[in-house]
Amino acid sequence: MRRNQREYKPQAYIFRKSRKCIETLFSQLCDQFMIRRNYAKSFDEFKNRILSKIMALKAIQLINKLNNKNINNLKTRIV
């Protein structure tokens, strides 16, 4: 809460936790997978590159989930 906020209502823990997870995911897509840097010449190339980056992220999350690790921890080595 900031001093200039009026009628501030704190969010429930579950909303804060889910928002942090989503923002972490978007940050990782931008930083590690460089989703903003895309030099595609056509929409099909753009679509394929974005989908491949998202599928790589989901594959890493699935491997982490199967190994009972944090799903957003992308920089660990797979053993």
N, C-alpha and C. Protein backbone atom coordinates (compact mmCIF):
# COMPACT_ATOMS: atom_id res chain seq x y z
N MET A 1 0.84 -1.19 0.00
CA MET A 1 0.00 0.00 0.00
C MET A 1 0.88 1.25 0.00
N ARG A 2 0.51 2.19 -0.83
CA ARG A 2 1.23 3.46 -0.88
C ARG A 2 0.40 4.54 -0.17
N ARG A 3 1.06 5.64 0.15
CA ARG A 3 0.38 6.70 0.90
C ARG A 3 -0.75 7.34 0.10
N ASN A 4 -0.60 7.40 -1.24
CA ASN A 4 -1.60 8.09 -2.05
C ASN A 4 -2.74 7.17 -2.50
N GLN A 5 -2.75 5.94 -2.06
CA GLN A 5 -3.83 5.02 -2.45
C GLN A 5 -4.99 5.17 -1.47
N ARG A 6 -6.16 5.33 -2.03
CA ARG A 6 -7.35 5.41 -1.19
C ARG A 6 -8.18 4.17 -1.41
N GLU A 7 -8.83 3.76 -0.38
CA GLU A 7 -9.69 2.57 -0.42
C GLU A 7 -8.90 1.34 -0.87
N TYR A 8 -7.73 1.18 -0.31
CA TYR A 8 -6.88 0.04 -0.64
C TYR A 8 -7.43 -1.21 0.03
N LYS A 9 -7.57 -2.27 -0.76
CA LYS A 9 -8.02 -3.54 -0.22
C LYS A 9 -6.93 -4.58 -0.50
N PRO A 10 -6.33 -5.12 0.54
CA PRO A 10 -5.28 -6.12 0.30
C PRO A 10 -5.84 -7.36 -0.36
N GLN A 11 -5.03 -7.95 -1.25
CA GLN A 11 -5.47 -9.15 -1.95
C GLN A 11 -5.24 -10.38 -1.09
N ALA A 12 -6.01 -11.41 -1.38
CA ALA A 12 -5.85 -12.67 -0.66
C ALA A 12 -4.53 -13.32 -1.06
N TYR A 13 -4.05 -14.20 -0.21
CA TYR A 13 -2.77 -14.86 -0.43
C TYR A 13 -2.76 -15.65 -1.73
N ILE A 14 -3.84 -16.34 -2.04
CA ILE A 14 -3.89 -17.17 -3.26
C ILE A 14 -3.75 -16.32 -4.52
N PHE A 15 -4.31 -15.12 -4.50
CA PHE A 15 -4.19 -14.23 -5.67
C PHE A 15 -2.78 -13.70 -5.81
N ARG A 16 -2.16 -13.35 -4.68
CA ARG A 16 -0.78 -12.86 -4.74
C ARG A 16 0.17 -13.95 -5.23
N LYS A 17 -0.05 -15.16 -4.76
CA LYS A 17 0.80 -16.28 -5.14
C LYS A 17 0.66 -16.59 -6.63
N SER A 18 -0.58 -16.62 -7.14
CA SER A 18 -0.78 -16.92 -8.56
C SER A 18 -0.26 -15.78 -9.44
N ARG A 19 -0.42 -14.54 -9.00
CA ARG A 19 0.10 -13.42 -9.78
C ARG A 19 1.62 -13.46 -9.86
N LYS A 20 2.27 -13.80 -8.75
CA LYS A 20 3.73 -13.90 -8.76
C LYS A 20 4.19 -14.99 -9.72
N CYS A 21 3.48 -16.11 -9.75
CA CYS A 21 3.82 -17.20 -10.65
C CYS A 21 3.69 -16.77 -12.11
N ILE A 22 2.62 -16.06 -12.42
CA ILE A 22 2.39 -15.60 -13.80
C ILE A 22 3.43 -14.57 -14.20
N GLU A 23 3.73 -13.62 -13.32
CA GLU A 23 4.72 -12.60 -13.65
C GLU A 23 6.12 -13.19 -13.79
N THR A 24 6.43 -14.21 -13.00
CA THR A 24 7.71 -14.90 -13.13
C THR A 24 7.80 -15.59 -14.48
N LEU A 25 6.71 -16.21 -14.88
CA LEU A 25 6.67 -16.90 -16.17
C LEU A 25 6.89 -15.93 -17.32
N PHE A 26 6.19 -14.79 -17.31
CA PHE A 26 6.38 -13.80 -18.37
C PHE A 26 7.79 -13.24 -18.37
N SER A 27 8.35 -13.03 -17.20
CA SER A 27 9.72 -12.53 -17.11
C SER A 27 10.71 -13.54 -17.69
N GLN A 28 10.51 -14.82 -17.42
CA GLN A 28 11.39 -15.84 -17.96
C GLN A 28 11.24 -15.95 -19.48
N LEU A 29 10.03 -15.80 -19.98
CA LEU A 29 9.84 -15.83 -21.43
C LEU A 29 10.58 -14.68 -22.09
N CYS A 30 10.53 -13.52 -21.47
CA CYS A 30 11.20 -12.35 -22.06
C CYS A 30 12.72 -12.44 -21.94
N ASP A 31 13.21 -12.84 -20.79
CA ASP A 31 14.66 -12.82 -20.55
C ASP A 31 15.37 -14.06 -21.09
N GLN A 32 14.94 -15.23 -20.69
CA GLN A 32 15.66 -16.45 -21.03
C GLN A 32 15.34 -16.96 -22.43
N PHE A 33 14.09 -16.85 -22.83
CA PHE A 33 13.71 -17.35 -24.15
C PHE A 33 13.69 -16.24 -25.20
N MET A 34 13.99 -15.01 -24.80
CA MET A 34 14.05 -13.86 -25.71
C MET A 34 12.84 -13.79 -26.64
N ILE A 35 11.66 -13.81 -26.04
CA ILE A 35 10.44 -13.86 -26.83
C ILE A 35 10.18 -12.52 -27.54
N ARG A 36 10.76 -11.45 -27.02
CA ARG A 36 10.56 -10.14 -27.67
C ARG A 36 11.42 -9.98 -28.91
N ARG A 37 12.57 -10.65 -28.95
CA ARG A 37 13.45 -10.56 -30.10
C ARG A 37 13.04 -11.61 -31.11
N ASN A 38 12.37 -11.17 -32.13
CA ASN A 38 11.86 -12.11 -33.12
C ASN A 38 11.96 -11.44 -34.49
N TYR A 39 12.79 -11.99 -35.35
CA TYR A 39 13.03 -11.38 -36.65
C TYR A 39 12.33 -12.15 -37.76
N ALA A 40 11.11 -12.56 -37.51
CA ALA A 40 10.36 -13.32 -38.51
C ALA A 40 9.92 -12.40 -39.64
N LYS A 41 9.89 -12.95 -40.84
CA LYS A 41 9.51 -12.18 -42.02
C LYS A 41 8.03 -12.30 -42.34
N SER A 42 7.40 -13.37 -41.89
CA SER A 42 5.97 -13.56 -42.16
C SER A 42 5.28 -13.98 -40.86
N PHE A 43 3.96 -13.95 -40.89
CA PHE A 43 3.20 -14.33 -39.70
C PHE A 43 3.40 -15.80 -39.35
N ASP A 44 3.51 -16.66 -40.35
CA ASP A 44 3.72 -18.08 -40.08
C ASP A 44 5.04 -18.33 -39.37
N GLU A 45 6.11 -17.64 -39.77
CA GLU A 45 7.39 -17.75 -39.09
C GLU A 45 7.29 -17.24 -37.65
N PHE A 46 6.62 -16.11 -37.50
CA PHE A 46 6.42 -15.53 -36.17
C PHE A 46 5.67 -16.51 -35.27
N LYS A 47 4.60 -17.06 -35.78
CA LYS A 47 3.79 -18.01 -35.02
C LYS A 47 4.60 -19.24 -34.63
N ASN A 48 5.36 -19.78 -35.56
CA ASN A 48 6.16 -20.97 -35.28
C ASN A 48 7.24 -20.71 -34.24
N ARG A 49 7.87 -19.55 -34.31
CA ARG A 49 8.93 -19.24 -33.35
C ARG A 49 8.37 -19.05 -31.95
N ILE A 50 7.25 -18.35 -31.85
CA ILE A 50 6.63 -18.13 -30.54
C ILE A 50 6.15 -19.46 -29.96
N LEU A 51 5.51 -20.27 -30.78
CA LEU A 51 5.02 -21.56 -30.31
C LEU A 51 6.16 -22.48 -29.89
N SER A 52 7.27 -22.46 -30.61
CA SER A 52 8.39 -23.32 -30.23
C SER A 52 8.99 -22.88 -28.89
N LYS A 53 9.04 -21.58 -28.63
CA LYS A 53 9.57 -21.10 -27.36
C LYS A 53 8.62 -21.46 -26.22
N ILE A 54 7.33 -21.34 -26.44
CA ILE A 54 6.37 -21.70 -25.41
C ILE A 54 6.38 -23.21 -25.16
N MET A 55 6.51 -24.00 -26.21
CA MET A 55 6.55 -25.46 -26.04
C MET A 55 7.83 -25.89 -25.31
N ALA A 56 8.93 -25.22 -25.55
CA ALA A 56 10.16 -25.54 -24.81
C ALA A 56 9.98 -25.24 -23.33
N LEU A 57 9.35 -24.12 -23.03
CA LEU A 57 9.08 -23.76 -21.65
C LEU A 57 8.17 -24.79 -20.99
N LYS A 58 7.12 -25.20 -21.68
CA LYS A 58 6.18 -26.18 -21.12
C LYS A 58 6.84 -27.54 -20.93
N ALA A 59 7.75 -27.92 -21.82
CA ALA A 59 8.46 -29.19 -21.68
C ALA A 59 9.33 -29.17 -20.43
N ILE A 60 10.03 -28.06 -20.18
CA ILE A 60 10.85 -27.95 -18.99
C ILE A 60 9.98 -27.98 -17.74
N GLN A 61 8.83 -27.30 -17.78
CA GLN A 61 7.92 -27.32 -16.64
C GLN A 61 7.40 -28.73 -16.37
N LEU A 62 7.10 -29.49 -17.41
CA LEU A 62 6.61 -30.85 -17.24
C LEU A 62 7.69 -31.74 -16.61
N ILE A 63 8.92 -31.61 -17.07
CA ILE A 63 10.02 -32.39 -16.50
C ILE A 63 10.20 -32.04 -15.03
N ASN A 64 10.11 -30.75 -14.70
CA ASN A 64 10.23 -30.34 -13.30
C ASN A 64 9.09 -30.89 -12.46
N LYS A 65 7.89 -30.89 -13.00
CA LYS A 65 6.74 -31.40 -12.25
C LYS A 65 6.87 -32.90 -12.02
N LEU A 66 7.34 -33.63 -13.01
CA LEU A 66 7.51 -35.07 -12.84
C LEU A 66 8.60 -35.41 -11.82
N ASN A 67 9.57 -34.53 -11.66
CA ASN A 67 10.65 -34.74 -10.69
C ASN A 67 10.39 -34.06 -9.36
N ASN A 68 9.16 -33.60 -9.13
CA ASN A 68 8.75 -32.96 -7.87
C ASN A 68 9.61 -31.75 -7.53
N LYS A 69 9.86 -30.92 -8.54
CA LYS A 69 10.62 -29.68 -8.34
C LYS A 69 9.70 -28.50 -8.66
N ASN A 70 10.18 -27.31 -8.35
CA ASN A 70 9.44 -26.10 -8.67
C ASN A 70 9.33 -25.97 -10.19
N ILE A 71 8.11 -25.81 -10.72
CA ILE A 71 7.94 -25.82 -12.17
C ILE A 71 8.52 -24.59 -12.84
N ASN A 72 8.65 -23.49 -12.12
CA ASN A 72 9.19 -22.27 -12.73
C ASN A 72 10.69 -22.17 -12.60
N ASN A 73 11.34 -23.16 -12.06
CA ASN A 73 12.80 -23.15 -11.96
C ASN A 73 13.37 -23.72 -13.25
N LEU A 74 13.70 -22.86 -14.20
CA LEU A 74 14.10 -23.30 -15.53
C LEU A 74 15.60 -23.47 -15.70
N LYS A 75 16.38 -22.95 -14.80
CA LYS A 75 17.83 -22.96 -15.00
C LYS A 75 18.53 -24.10 -14.29
N THR A 76 17.82 -25.11 -13.87
CA THR A 76 18.47 -26.25 -13.25
C THR A 76 18.78 -27.28 -14.31
N ARG A 77 19.80 -28.05 -14.07
CA ARG A 77 20.14 -29.08 -15.05
C ARG A 77 19.25 -30.29 -14.86
N ILE A 78 18.98 -30.96 -15.94
CA ILE A 78 18.12 -32.13 -15.93
C ILE A 78 18.99 -33.36 -15.75
N VAL A 79 18.70 -34.11 -14.70
CA VAL A 79 19.51 -35.31 -14.41
C VAL A 79 18.62 -36.53 -14.55
